[in-house]
Amino acid sequence: MKLGSETGSLINHIASRAASPRPEVGMPATILLWTDRCPATVIWVSASGKTIKVQEDAYRRTDARGYYTEEQDYEYSPDPAGRVETVRLTKRGWRVKGGGSGVMLGHRERYEDPSF
């Protein structure tokens, strides 16, 4: 993801370019948005391993720190009705097809930017 035009978050920019493990069904994933992050799970992997499908997970905030804080704790669970995204491996990392969002494999995280 290009910092400033595809993401407004340095953390999301770095995460989008980090080395990823080989995708496997059931692996945790994080969809990297402008400044937010959305938890997901890998639900399908192509034979080549260069195209995957991820499904957004359900989440529930477990801390009592309030909305306007950087520190946020969540609990995650599978969501059979969650949105499914097709993701492809590009020379700039894993990218949502048609959407431009990056995807980080091997880690599941929800983050809501409190400054918006």
PDB file of N, CA and C in Angstrom:
ATOM      1  N   MET A   1       0.849  -1.174   0.000  1.00  0.00           N
ATOM      2  CA  MET A   1       0.000   0.000   0.000  1.00  0.00           C
ATOM      3  C   MET A   1       0.896   1.238   0.000  1.00  0.00           C
ATOM      4  N   LYS A   2       0.524   2.226  -0.777  1.00  0.00           N
ATOM      5  CA  LYS A   2       1.297   3.453  -0.842  1.00  0.00           C
ATOM      6  C   LYS A   2       0.838   4.392   0.270  1.00  0.00           C
ATOM      7  N   LEU A   3       1.775   4.807   1.085  1.00  0.00           N
ATOM      8  CA  LEU A   3       1.484   5.719   2.182  1.00  0.00           C
ATOM      9  C   LEU A   3       1.051   7.071   1.628  1.00  0.00           C
ATOM     10  N   GLY A   4      -0.088   7.552   2.077  1.00  0.00           N
ATOM     11  CA  GLY A   4      -0.596   8.848   1.661  1.00  0.00           C
ATOM     12  C   GLY A   4      -1.624   8.795   0.550  1.00  0.00           C
ATOM     13  N   SER A   5      -1.586   7.760  -0.290  1.00  0.00           N
ATOM     14  CA  SER A   5      -2.592   7.660  -1.345  1.00  0.00           C
ATOM     15  C   SER A   5      -3.464   6.416  -1.205  1.00  0.00           C
ATOM     16  N   GLU A   6      -2.931   5.341  -0.609  1.00  0.00           N
ATOM     17  CA  GLU A   6      -3.715   4.125  -0.408  1.00  0.00           C
ATOM     18  C   GLU A   6      -3.953   3.834   1.078  1.00  0.00           C
ATOM     19  N   THR A   7      -3.155   4.436   1.924  1.00  0.00           N
ATOM     20  CA  THR A   7      -3.341   4.305   3.365  1.00  0.00           C
ATOM     21  C   THR A   7      -2.843   5.568   4.049  1.00  0.00           C
ATOM     22  N   GLY A   8      -3.496   5.916   5.129  1.00  0.00           N
ATOM     23  CA  GLY A   8      -3.084   7.066   5.925  1.00  0.00           C
ATOM     24  C   GLY A   8      -2.375   6.632   7.196  1.00  0.00           C
ATOM     25  N   SER A   9      -2.061   5.347   7.290  1.00  0.00           N
ATOM     26  CA  SER A   9      -1.483   4.788   8.504  1.00  0.00           C
ATOM     27  C   SER A   9      -0.104   4.201   8.219  1.00  0.00           C
ATOM     28  N   LEU A  10       0.907   4.674   8.924  1.00  0.00           N
ATOM     29  CA  LEU A  10       2.242   4.121   8.776  1.00  0.00           C
ATOM     30  C   LEU A  10       2.248   2.648   9.175  1.00  0.00           C
ATOM     31  N   ILE A  11       1.517   2.296  10.224  1.00  0.00           N
ATOM     32  CA  ILE A  11       1.452   0.900  10.669  1.00  0.00           C
ATOM     33  C   ILE A  11       0.846   0.018   9.575  1.00  0.00           C
ATOM     34  N   ASN A  12      -0.258   0.455   8.962  1.00  0.00           N
ATOM     35  CA  ASN A  12      -0.869  -0.328   7.883  1.00  0.00           C
ATOM     36  C   ASN A  12       0.064  -0.432   6.676  1.00  0.00           C
ATOM     37  N   HIS A  13       0.785   0.645   6.381  1.00  0.00           N
ATOM     38  CA  HIS A  13       1.741   0.639   5.275  1.00  0.00           C
ATOM     39  C   HIS A  13       2.829  -0.409   5.517  1.00  0.00           C
ATOM     40  N   ILE A  14       3.410  -0.415   6.698  1.00  0.00           N
ATOM     41  CA  ILE A  14       4.469  -1.379   7.034  1.00  0.00           C
ATOM     42  C   ILE A  14       3.913  -2.796   7.023  1.00  0.00           C
ATOM     43  N   ALA A  15       2.737  -2.997   7.614  1.00  0.00           N
ATOM     44  CA  ALA A  15       2.126  -4.332   7.667  1.00  0.00           C
ATOM     45  C   ALA A  15       1.845  -4.874   6.268  1.00  0.00           C
ATOM     46  N   SER A  16       1.462  -3.995   5.345  1.00  0.00           N
ATOM     47  CA  SER A  16       1.140  -4.452   3.984  1.00  0.00           C
ATOM     48  C   SER A  16       2.372  -4.936   3.241  1.00  0.00           C
ATOM     49  N   ARG A  17       3.546  -4.529   3.668  1.00  0.00           N
ATOM     50  CA  ARG A  17       4.787  -4.898   2.990  1.00  0.00           C
ATOM     51  C   ARG A  17       5.594  -5.958   3.747  1.00  0.00           C
ATOM     52  N   ALA A  18       5.102  -6.376   4.896  1.00  0.00           N
ATOM     53  CA  ALA A  18       5.818  -7.376   5.694  1.00  0.00           C
ATOM     54  C   ALA A  18       5.761  -8.743   5.019  1.00  0.00           C
ATOM     55  N   ALA A  19       6.765  -9.558   5.265  1.00  0.00           N
ATOM     56  CA  ALA A  19       6.776 -10.926   4.735  1.00  0.00           C
ATOM     57  C   ALA A  19       5.597 -11.690   5.317  1.00  0.00           C
ATOM     58  N   SER A  20       4.928 -12.460   4.482  1.00  0.00           N
ATOM     59  CA  SER A  20       3.752 -13.221   4.910  1.00  0.00           C
ATOM     60  C   SER A  20       4.042 -14.708   4.865  1.00  0.00           C
ATOM     61  N   PRO A  21       3.449 -15.463   5.785  1.00  0.00           N
ATOM     62  CA  PRO A  21       3.570 -16.917   5.697  1.00  0.00           C
ATOM     63  C   PRO A  21       2.751 -17.433   4.513  1.00  0.00           C
ATOM     64  N   ARG A  22       3.008 -18.654   4.109  1.00  0.00           N
ATOM     65  CA  ARG A  22       2.232 -19.278   3.031  1.00  0.00           C
ATOM     66  C   ARG A  22       0.782 -19.387   3.502  1.00  0.00           C
ATOM     67  N   PRO A  23      -0.182 -18.956   2.698  1.00  0.00           N
ATOM     68  CA  PRO A  23      -1.581 -18.983   3.141  1.00  0.00           C
ATOM     69  C   PRO A  23      -2.121 -20.399   3.298  1.00  0.00           C
ATOM     70  N   GLU A  24      -2.936 -20.591   4.329  1.00  0.00           N
ATOM     71  CA  GLU A  24      -3.609 -21.860   4.589  1.00  0.00           C
ATOM     72  C   GLU A  24      -5.036 -21.559   5.037  1.00  0.00           C
ATOM     73  N   VAL A  25      -5.960 -22.438   4.700  1.00  0.00           N
ATOM     74  CA  VAL A  25      -7.344 -22.285   5.147  1.00  0.00           C
ATOM     75  C   VAL A  25      -7.360 -22.294   6.678  1.00  0.00           C
ATOM     76  N   GLY A  26      -8.085 -21.339   7.261  1.00  0.00           N
ATOM     77  CA  GLY A  26      -8.174 -21.211   8.713  1.00  0.00           C
ATOM     78  C   GLY A  26      -7.185 -20.227   9.301  1.00  0.00           C
ATOM     79  N   MET A  27      -6.234 -19.774   8.490  1.00  0.00           N
ATOM     80  CA  MET A  27      -5.218 -18.830   8.961  1.00  0.00           C
ATOM     81  C   MET A  27      -5.842 -17.472   9.268  1.00  0.00           C
ATOM     82  N   PRO A  28      -5.405 -16.817  10.353  1.00  0.00           N
ATOM     83  CA  PRO A  28      -5.905 -15.470  10.623  1.00  0.00           C
ATOM     84  C   PRO A  28      -5.365 -14.469   9.602  1.00  0.00           C
ATOM     85  N   ALA A  29      -6.126 -13.412   9.383  1.00  0.00           N
ATOM     86  CA  ALA A  29      -5.732 -12.359   8.453  1.00  0.00           C
ATOM     87  C   ALA A  29      -6.280 -11.024   8.957  1.00  0.00           C
ATOM     88  N   THR A  30      -5.701  -9.950   8.452  1.00  0.00           N
ATOM     89  CA  THR A  30      -6.173  -8.610   8.778  1.00  0.00           C
ATOM     90  C   THR A  30      -6.284  -7.813   7.492  1.00  0.00           C
ATOM     91  N   ILE A  31      -7.458  -7.248   7.234  1.00  0.00           N
ATOM     92  CA  ILE A  31      -7.666  -6.380   6.083  1.00  0.00           C
ATOM     93  C   ILE A  31      -7.250  -4.975   6.513  1.00  0.00           C
ATOM     94  N   LEU A  32      -6.326  -4.383   5.758  1.00  0.00           N
ATOM     95  CA  LEU A  32      -5.745  -3.084   6.100  1.00  0.00           C
ATOM     96  C   LEU A  32      -6.455  -1.990   5.315  1.00  0.00           C
ATOM     97  N   LEU A  33      -7.173  -1.134   6.016  1.00  0.00           N
ATOM     98  CA  LEU A  33      -7.939  -0.061   5.380  1.00  0.00           C
ATOM     99  C   LEU A  33      -7.155   1.248   5.465  1.00  0.00           C
ATOM    100  N   TRP A  34      -7.817   2.384   5.282  1.00  0.00           N
ATOM    101  CA  TRP A  34      -7.119   3.677   5.294  1.00  0.00           C
ATOM    102  C   TRP A  34      -6.350   3.854   6.604  1.00  0.00           C
ATOM    103  N   THR A  35      -7.030   3.785   7.740  1.00  0.00           N
ATOM    104  CA  THR A  35      -6.347   3.790   9.033  1.00  0.00           C
ATOM    105  C   THR A  35      -6.860   2.685   9.949  1.00  0.00           C
ATOM    106  N   ASP A  36      -7.973   2.073   9.598  1.00  0.00           N
ATOM    107  CA  ASP A  36      -8.542   1.006  10.417  1.00  0.00           C
ATOM    108  C   ASP A  36      -8.006  -0.357   9.960  1.00  0.00           C
ATOM    109  N   ARG A  37      -8.255  -1.371  10.786  1.00  0.00           N
ATOM    110  CA  ARG A  37      -7.908  -2.746  10.451  1.00  0.00           C
ATOM    111  C   ARG A  37      -9.092  -3.633  10.792  1.00  0.00           C
ATOM    112  N   CYS A  38      -9.341  -4.642   9.967  1.00  0.00           N
ATOM    113  CA  CYS A  38     -10.513  -5.499  10.103  1.00  0.00           C
ATOM    114  C   CYS A  38     -10.081  -6.966  10.182  1.00  0.00           C
ATOM    115  N   PRO A  39     -10.530  -7.714  11.211  1.00  0.00           N
ATOM    116  CA  PRO A  39     -10.130  -9.113  11.350  1.00  0.00           C
ATOM    117  C   PRO A  39     -10.818 -10.013  10.331  1.00  0.00           C
ATOM    118  N   ALA A  40     -10.100 -11.033   9.895  1.00  0.00           N
ATOM    119  CA  ALA A  40     -10.640 -11.963   8.903  1.00  0.00           C
ATOM    120  C   ALA A  40      -9.967 -13.317   9.047  1.00  0.00           C
ATOM    121  N   THR A  41     -10.492 -14.285   8.296  1.00  0.00           N
ATOM    122  CA  THR A  41      -9.942 -15.634   8.271  1.00  0.00           C
ATOM    123  C   THR A  41      -9.835 -16.096   6.821  1.00  0.00           C
ATOM    124  N   VAL A  42      -8.739 -16.762   6.474  1.00  0.00           N
ATOM    125  CA  VAL A  42      -8.573 -17.330   5.139  1.00  0.00           C
ATOM    126  C   VAL A  42      -9.528 -18.519   5.017  1.00  0.00           C
ATOM    127  N   ILE A  43     -10.403 -18.491   3.986  1.00  0.00           N
ATOM    128  CA  ILE A  43     -11.380 -19.573   3.824  1.00  0.00           C
ATOM    129  C   ILE A  43     -11.139 -20.402   2.558  1.00  0.00           C
ATOM    130  N   TRP A  44     -10.244 -19.936   1.665  1.00  0.00           N
ATOM    131  CA  TRP A  44      -9.961 -20.657   0.428  1.00  0.00           C
ATOM    132  C   TRP A  44      -8.593 -20.224  -0.076  1.00  0.00           C
ATOM    133  N   VAL A  45      -7.840 -21.185  -0.624  1.00  0.00           N
ATOM    134  CA  VAL A  45      -6.534 -20.907  -1.214  1.00  0.00           C
ATOM    135  C   VAL A  45      -6.476 -21.599  -2.572  1.00  0.00           C
ATOM    136  N   SER A  46      -6.076 -20.875  -3.609  1.00  0.00           N
ATOM    137  CA  SER A  46      -5.957 -21.465  -4.947  1.00  0.00           C
ATOM    138  C   SER A  46      -4.802 -22.470  -4.970  1.00  0.00           C
ATOM    139  N   ALA A  47      -4.791 -23.294  -5.999  1.00  0.00           N
ATOM    140  CA  ALA A  47      -3.726 -24.291  -6.147  1.00  0.00           C
ATOM    141  C   ALA A  47      -2.353 -23.632  -6.246  1.00  0.00           C
ATOM    142  N   SER A  48      -2.289 -22.464  -6.872  1.00  0.00           N
ATOM    143  CA  SER A  48      -1.010 -21.755  -7.009  1.00  0.00           C
ATOM    144  C   SER A  48      -0.605 -21.052  -5.717  1.00  0.00           C
ATOM    145  N   GLY A  49      -1.573 -20.848  -4.824  1.00  0.00           N
ATOM    146  CA  GLY A  49      -1.289 -20.135  -3.577  1.00  0.00           C
ATOM    147  C   GLY A  49      -1.188 -18.632  -3.744  1.00  0.00           C
ATOM    148  N   LYS A  50      -1.533 -18.111  -4.931  1.00  0.00           N
ATOM    149  CA  LYS A  50      -1.412 -16.676  -5.194  1.00  0.00           C
ATOM    150  C   LYS A  50      -2.741 -15.940  -5.177  1.00  0.00           C
ATOM    151  N   THR A  51      -3.826 -16.674  -5.002  1.00  0.00           N
ATOM    152  CA  THR A  51      -5.153 -16.082  -4.850  1.00  0.00           C
ATOM    153  C   THR A  51      -5.810 -16.771  -3.657  1.00  0.00           C
ATOM    154  N   ILE A  52      -6.405 -15.971  -2.793  1.00  0.00           N
ATOM    155  CA  ILE A  52      -7.090 -16.509  -1.616  1.00  0.00           C
ATOM    156  C   ILE A  52      -8.412 -15.784  -1.437  1.00  0.00           C
ATOM    157  N   LYS A  53      -9.263 -16.342  -0.599  1.00  0.00           N
ATOM    158  CA  LYS A  53     -10.475 -15.645  -0.178  1.00  0.00           C
ATOM    159  C   LYS A  53     -10.415 -15.538   1.336  1.00  0.00           C
ATOM    160  N   VAL A  54     -10.736 -14.343   1.829  1.00  0.00           N
ATOM    161  CA  VAL A  54     -10.804 -14.122   3.270  1.00  0.00           C
ATOM    162  C   VAL A  54     -12.220 -13.695   3.626  1.00  0.00           C
ATOM    163  N   GLN A  55     -12.669 -14.103   4.803  1.00  0.00           N
ATOM    164  CA  GLN A  55     -13.999 -13.730   5.282  1.00  0.00           C
ATOM    165  C   GLN A  55     -13.836 -12.929   6.567  1.00  0.00           C
ATOM    166  N   GLU A  56     -14.518 -11.772   6.613  1.00  0.00           N
ATOM    167  CA  GLU A  56     -14.438 -10.931   7.803  1.00  0.00           C
ATOM    168  C   GLU A  56     -14.988 -11.677   9.012  1.00  0.00           C
ATOM    169  N   ASP A  57     -14.309 -11.507  10.145  1.00  0.00           N
ATOM    170  CA  ASP A  57     -14.716 -12.135  11.401  1.00  0.00           C
ATOM    171  C   ASP A  57     -15.619 -11.211  12.203  1.00  0.00           C
ATOM    172  N   ALA A  58     -16.378 -11.796  13.110  1.00  0.00           N
ATOM    173  CA  ALA A  58     -17.131 -11.015  14.093  1.00  0.00           C
ATOM    174  C   ALA A  58     -16.137 -10.595  15.178  1.00  0.00           C
ATOM    175  N   TYR A  59     -16.386  -9.482  15.804  1.00  0.00           N
ATOM    176  CA  TYR A  59     -15.507  -9.012  16.874  1.00  0.00           C
ATOM    177  C   TYR A  59     -16.338  -8.302  17.927  1.00  0.00           C
ATOM    178  N   ARG A  60     -15.783  -8.287  19.142  1.00  0.00           N
ATOM    179  CA  ARG A  60     -16.436  -7.603  20.257  1.00  0.00           C
ATOM    180  C   ARG A  60     -15.344  -6.946  21.082  1.00  0.00           C
ATOM    181  N   ARG A  61     -15.515  -5.670  21.355  1.00  0.00           N
ATOM    182  CA  ARG A  61     -14.516  -4.953  22.149  1.00  0.00           C
ATOM    183  C   ARG A  61     -14.611  -5.411  23.593  1.00  0.00           C
ATOM    184  N   THR A  62     -13.471  -5.724  24.196  1.00  0.00           N
ATOM    185  CA  THR A  62     -13.457  -6.274  25.550  1.00  0.00           C
ATOM    186  C   THR A  62     -12.873  -5.335  26.592  1.00  0.00           C
ATOM    187  N   ASP A  63     -12.297  -4.219  26.179  1.00  0.00           N
ATOM    188  CA  ASP A  63     -11.765  -3.275  27.169  1.00  0.00           C
ATOM    189  C   ASP A  63     -12.825  -2.226  27.501  1.00  0.00           C
ATOM    190  N   ALA A  64     -12.582  -1.465  28.541  1.00  0.00           N
ATOM    191  CA  ALA A  64     -13.515  -0.407  28.959  1.00  0.00           C
ATOM    192  C   ALA A  64     -12.817   0.953  28.904  1.00  0.00           C
ATOM    193  N   ARG A  65     -11.924   1.130  27.943  1.00  0.00           N
ATOM    194  CA  ARG A  65     -11.139   2.363  27.867  1.00  0.00           C
ATOM    195  C   ARG A  65     -11.864   3.500  27.143  1.00  0.00           C
ATOM    196  N   GLY A  66     -12.971   3.217  26.504  1.00  0.00           N
ATOM    197  CA  GLY A  66     -13.678   4.253  25.762  1.00  0.00           C
ATOM    198  C   GLY A  66     -13.202   4.320  24.328  1.00  0.00           C
ATOM    199  N   TYR A  67     -13.973   5.015  23.513  1.00  0.00           N
ATOM    200  CA  TYR A  67     -13.698   5.063  22.078  1.00  0.00           C
ATOM    201  C   TYR A  67     -12.417   5.820  21.743  1.00  0.00           C
ATOM    202  N   TYR A  68     -12.148   6.906  22.422  1.00  0.00           N
ATOM    203  CA  TYR A  68     -11.037   7.784  22.046  1.00  0.00           C
ATOM    204  C   TYR A  68      -9.725   7.354  22.674  1.00  0.00           C
ATOM    205  N   THR A  69      -9.311   6.139  22.378  1.00  0.00           N
ATOM    206  CA  THR A  69      -8.035   5.638  22.868  1.00  0.00           C
ATOM    207  C   THR A  69      -7.370   4.779  21.804  1.00  0.00           C
ATOM    208  N   GLU A  70      -6.055   4.797  21.789  1.00  0.00           N
ATOM    209  CA  GLU A  70      -5.295   3.965  20.852  1.00  0.00           C
ATOM    210  C   GLU A  70      -5.274   2.512  21.298  1.00  0.00           C
ATOM    211  N   GLU A  71      -5.282   2.265  22.604  1.00  0.00           N
ATOM    212  CA  GLU A  71      -5.259   0.896  23.134  1.00  0.00           C
ATOM    213  C   GLU A  71      -6.642   0.290  23.069  1.00  0.00           C
ATOM    214  N   GLN A  72      -6.775  -0.784  22.292  1.00  0.00           N
ATOM    215  CA  GLN A  72      -8.071  -1.426  22.100  1.00  0.00           C
ATOM    216  C   GLN A  72      -7.889  -2.941  22.160  1.00  0.00           C
ATOM    217  N   ASP A  73      -8.752  -3.609  22.909  1.00  0.00           N
ATOM    218  CA  ASP A  73      -8.724  -5.070  23.008  1.00  0.00           C
ATOM    219  C   ASP A  73     -10.027  -5.627  22.460  1.00  0.00           C
ATOM    220  N   TYR A  74      -9.907  -6.690  21.658  1.00  0.00           N
ATOM    221  CA  TYR A  74     -11.073  -7.296  21.020  1.00  0.00           C
ATOM    222  C   TYR A  74     -11.046  -8.808  21.194  1.00  0.00           C
ATOM    223  N   GLU A  75     -12.221  -9.391  21.089  1.00  0.00           N
ATOM    224  CA  GLU A  75     -12.404 -10.837  21.043  1.00  0.00           C
ATOM    225  C   GLU A  75     -12.950 -11.143  19.649  1.00  0.00           C
ATOM    226  N   TYR A  76     -12.440 -12.192  19.019  1.00  0.00           N
ATOM    227  CA  TYR A  76     -12.825 -12.515  17.646  1.00  0.00           C
ATOM    228  C   TYR A  76     -13.506 -13.868  17.581  1.00  0.00           C
ATOM    229  N   SER A  77     -14.397 -14.007  16.604  1.00  0.00           N
ATOM    230  CA  SER A  77     -15.045 -15.293  16.349  1.00  0.00           C
ATOM    231  C   SER A  77     -15.412 -15.364  14.870  1.00  0.00           C
ATOM    232  N   PRO A  78     -15.516 -16.578  14.315  1.00  0.00           N
ATOM    233  CA  PRO A  78     -15.898 -16.708  12.903  1.00  0.00           C
ATOM    234  C   PRO A  78     -17.286 -16.112  12.669  1.00  0.00           C
ATOM    235  N   ASP A  79     -17.485 -15.542  11.501  1.00  0.00           N
ATOM    236  CA  ASP A  79     -18.777 -14.977  11.132  1.00  0.00           C
ATOM    237  C   ASP A  79     -19.190 -15.567   9.784  1.00  0.00           C
ATOM    238  N   PRO A  80     -20.033 -16.618   9.795  1.00  0.00           N
ATOM    239  CA  PRO A  80     -20.447 -17.252   8.538  1.00  0.00           C
ATOM    240  C   PRO A  80     -21.134 -16.282   7.575  1.00  0.00           C
ATOM    241  N   ALA A  81     -21.646 -15.174   8.085  1.00  0.00           N
ATOM    242  CA  ALA A  81     -22.296 -14.176   7.236  1.00  0.00           C
ATOM    243  C   ALA A  81     -21.364 -13.009   6.901  1.00  0.00           C
ATOM    244  N   GLY A  82     -20.096 -13.097   7.316  1.00  0.00           N
ATOM    245  CA  GLY A  82     -19.140 -12.014   7.068  1.00  0.00           C
ATOM    246  C   GLY A  82     -18.842 -11.838   5.591  1.00  0.00           C
ATOM    247  N   ARG A  83     -18.493 -10.619   5.227  1.00  0.00           N
ATOM    248  CA  ARG A  83     -18.172 -10.307   3.826  1.00  0.00           C
ATOM    249  C   ARG A  83     -16.940 -11.103   3.393  1.00  0.00           C
ATOM    250  N   VAL A  84     -16.984 -11.629   2.172  1.00  0.00           N
ATOM    251  CA  VAL A  84     -15.872 -12.391   1.606  1.00  0.00           C
ATOM    252  C   VAL A  84     -15.164 -11.523   0.572  1.00  0.00           C
ATOM    253  N   GLU A  85     -13.839 -11.470   0.659  1.00  0.00           N
ATOM    254  CA  GLU A  85     -13.025 -10.708  -0.291  1.00  0.00           C
ATOM    255  C   GLU A  85     -12.059 -11.650  -0.997  1.00  0.00           C
ATOM    256  N   THR A  86     -11.885 -11.447  -2.297  1.00  0.00           N
ATOM    257  CA  THR A  86     -10.865 -12.170  -3.053  1.00  0.00           C
ATOM    258  C   THR A  86      -9.581 -11.353  -2.976  1.00  0.00           C
ATOM    259  N   VAL A  87      -8.489 -12.018  -2.667  1.00  0.00           N
ATOM    260  CA  VAL A  87      -7.206 -11.351  -2.434  1.00  0.00           C
ATOM    261  C   VAL A  87      -6.152 -12.002  -3.319  1.00  0.00           C
ATOM    262  N   ARG A  88      -5.317 -11.178  -3.947  1.00  0.00           N
ATOM    263  CA  ARG A  88      -4.261 -11.690  -4.825  1.00  0.00           C
ATOM    264  C   ARG A  88      -2.899 -11.225  -4.342  1.00  0.00           C
ATOM    265  N   LEU A  89      -1.909 -12.089  -4.544  1.00  0.00           N
ATOM    266  CA  LEU A  89      -0.527 -11.732  -4.238  1.00  0.00           C
ATOM    267  C   LEU A  89       0.024 -10.929  -5.406  1.00  0.00           C
ATOM    268  N   THR A  90       0.460  -9.717  -5.140  1.00  0.00           N
ATOM    269  CA  THR A  90       1.039  -8.847  -6.162  1.00  0.00           C
ATOM    270  C   THR A  90       2.494  -8.570  -5.786  1.00  0.00           C
ATOM    271  N   LYS A  91       3.181  -7.830  -6.619  1.00  0.00           N
ATOM    272  CA  LYS A  91       4.570  -7.482  -6.297  1.00  0.00           C
ATOM    273  C   LYS A  91       4.631  -6.535  -5.092  1.00  0.00           C
ATOM    274  N   ARG A  92       3.485  -5.939  -4.720  1.00  0.00           N
ATOM    275  CA  ARG A  92       3.435  -5.059  -3.543  1.00  0.00           C
ATOM    276  C   ARG A  92       2.749  -5.732  -2.360  1.00  0.00           C
ATOM    277  N   GLY A  93       2.618  -7.046  -2.402  1.00  0.00           N
ATOM    278  CA  GLY A  93       2.018  -7.781  -1.294  1.00  0.00           C
ATOM    279  C   GLY A  93       0.602  -8.233  -1.602  1.00  0.00           C
ATOM    280  N   TRP A  94      -0.096  -8.737  -0.591  1.00  0.00           N
ATOM    281  CA  TRP A  94      -1.470  -9.215  -0.739  1.00  0.00           C
ATOM    282  C   TRP A  94      -2.411  -8.032  -0.851  1.00  0.00           C
ATOM    283  N   ARG A  95      -3.253  -8.037  -1.909  1.00  0.00           N
ATOM    284  CA  ARG A  95      -4.167  -6.926  -2.160  1.00  0.00           C
ATOM    285  C   ARG A  95      -5.562  -7.446  -2.450  1.00  0.00           C
ATOM    286  N   VAL A  96      -6.587  -6.766  -1.905  1.00  0.00           N
ATOM    287  CA  VAL A  96      -7.982  -7.103  -2.185  1.00  0.00           C
ATOM    288  C   VAL A  96      -8.256  -6.767  -3.646  1.00  0.00           C
ATOM    289  N   LYS A  97      -8.831  -7.722  -4.363  1.00  0.00           N
ATOM    290  CA  LYS A  97      -9.133  -7.531  -5.775  1.00  0.00           C
ATOM    291  C   LYS A  97     -10.144  -6.403  -5.948  1.00  0.00           C
ATOM    292  N   GLY A  98      -9.791  -5.413  -6.752  1.00  0.00           N
ATOM    293  CA  GLY A  98     -10.687  -4.316  -7.064  1.00  0.00           C
ATOM    294  C   GLY A  98     -10.819  -3.255  -5.993  1.00  0.00           C
ATOM    295  N   GLY A  99     -10.291  -3.504  -4.802  1.00  0.00           N
ATOM    296  CA  GLY A  99     -10.464  -2.535  -3.724  1.00  0.00           C
ATOM    297  C   GLY A  99      -9.204  -1.814  -3.317  1.00  0.00           C
ATOM    298  N   GLY A 100      -8.054  -2.416  -3.585  1.00  0.00           N
ATOM    299  CA  GLY A 100      -6.799  -1.774  -3.262  1.00  0.00           C
ATOM    300  C   GLY A 100      -6.344  -1.930  -1.828  1.00  0.00           C
ATOM    301  N   SER A 101      -7.200  -2.437  -0.936  1.00  0.00           N
ATOM    302  CA  SER A 101      -6.797  -2.617   0.453  1.00  0.00           C
ATOM    303  C   SER A 101      -5.744  -3.707   0.541  1.00  0.00           C
ATOM    304  N   GLY A 102      -4.821  -3.545   1.480  1.00  0.00           N
ATOM    305  CA  GLY A 102      -3.819  -4.569   1.717  1.00  0.00           C
ATOM    306  C   GLY A 102      -4.363  -5.615   2.677  1.00  0.00           C
ATOM    307  N   VAL A 103      -3.700  -6.757   2.719  1.00  0.00           N
ATOM    308  CA  VAL A 103      -4.069  -7.825   3.642  1.00  0.00           C
ATOM    309  C   VAL A 103      -2.788  -8.370   4.264  1.00  0.00           C
ATOM    310  N   MET A 104      -2.814  -8.521   5.583  1.00  0.00           N
ATOM    311  CA  MET A 104      -1.706  -9.104   6.324  1.00  0.00           C
ATOM    312  C   MET A 104      -2.129 -10.510   6.751  1.00  0.00           C
ATOM    313  N   LEU A 105      -1.308 -11.505   6.445  1.00  0.00           N
ATOM    314  CA  LEU A 105      -1.615 -12.883   6.813  1.00  0.00           C
ATOM    315  C   LEU A 105      -0.884 -13.280   8.091  1.00  0.00           C
ATOM    316  N   GLY A 106      -1.507 -14.192   8.843  1.00  0.00           N
ATOM    317  CA  GLY A 106      -0.873 -14.732  10.040  1.00  0.00           C
ATOM    318  C   GLY A 106      -1.186 -13.983  11.313  1.00  0.00           C
ATOM    319  N   HIS A 107      -1.966 -12.913  11.219  1.00  0.00           N
ATOM    320  CA  HIS A 107      -2.305 -12.107  12.397  1.00  0.00           C
ATOM    321  C   HIS A 107      -3.701 -11.532  12.196  1.00  0.00           C
ATOM    322  N   ARG A 108      -4.512 -11.575  13.239  1.00  0.00           N
ATOM    323  CA  ARG A 108      -5.891 -11.063  13.178  1.00  0.00           C
ATOM    324  C   ARG A 108      -5.977  -9.864  14.118  1.00  0.00           C
ATOM    325  N   GLU A 109      -6.460  -8.731  13.581  1.00  0.00           N
ATOM    326  CA  GLU A 109      -6.553  -7.540  14.421  1.00  0.00           C
ATOM    327  C   GLU A 109      -7.690  -6.623  13.977  1.00  0.00           C
ATOM    328  N   ARG A 110      -8.373  -6.060  14.967  1.00  0.00           N
ATOM    329  CA  ARG A 110      -9.347  -4.993  14.738  1.00  0.00           C
ATOM    330  C   ARG A 110      -8.779  -3.730  15.357  1.00  0.00           C
ATOM    331  N   TYR A 111      -8.882  -2.643  14.622  1.00  0.00           N
ATOM    332  CA  TYR A 111      -8.466  -1.345  15.145  1.00  0.00           C
ATOM    333  C   TYR A 111      -9.357  -0.294  14.524  1.00  0.00           C
ATOM    334  N   GLU A 112      -9.950   0.548  15.353  1.00  0.00           N
ATOM    335  CA  GLU A 112     -10.754   1.673  14.882  1.00  0.00           C
ATOM    336  C   GLU A 112     -10.006   2.947  15.262  1.00  0.00           C
ATOM    337  N   ASP A 113      -9.639   3.720  14.263  1.00  0.00           N
ATOM    338  CA  ASP A 113      -8.902   4.939  14.493  1.00  0.00           C
ATOM    339  C   ASP A 113      -9.768   5.945  15.232  1.00  0.00           C
ATOM    340  N   PRO A 114      -9.391   6.316  16.451  1.00  0.00           N
ATOM    341  CA  PRO A 114     -10.232   7.224  17.236  1.00  0.00           C
ATOM    342  C   PRO A 114     -10.203   8.672  16.756  1.00  0.00           C
ATOM    343  N   SER A 115      -9.353   9.002  15.803  1.00  0.00           N
ATOM    344  CA  SER A 115      -9.273  10.391  15.354  1.00  0.00           C
ATOM    345  C   SER A 115     -10.276  10.717  14.255  1.00  0.00           C
ATOM    346  N   PHE A 116     -11.073   9.719  13.820  1.00  0.00           N
ATOM    347  CA  PHE A 116     -12.080   9.974  12.781  1.00  0.00           C
ATOM    348  C   PHE A 116     -13.459   9.920  13.376  1.00  0.00           C
TER     349      PHE A 116
END
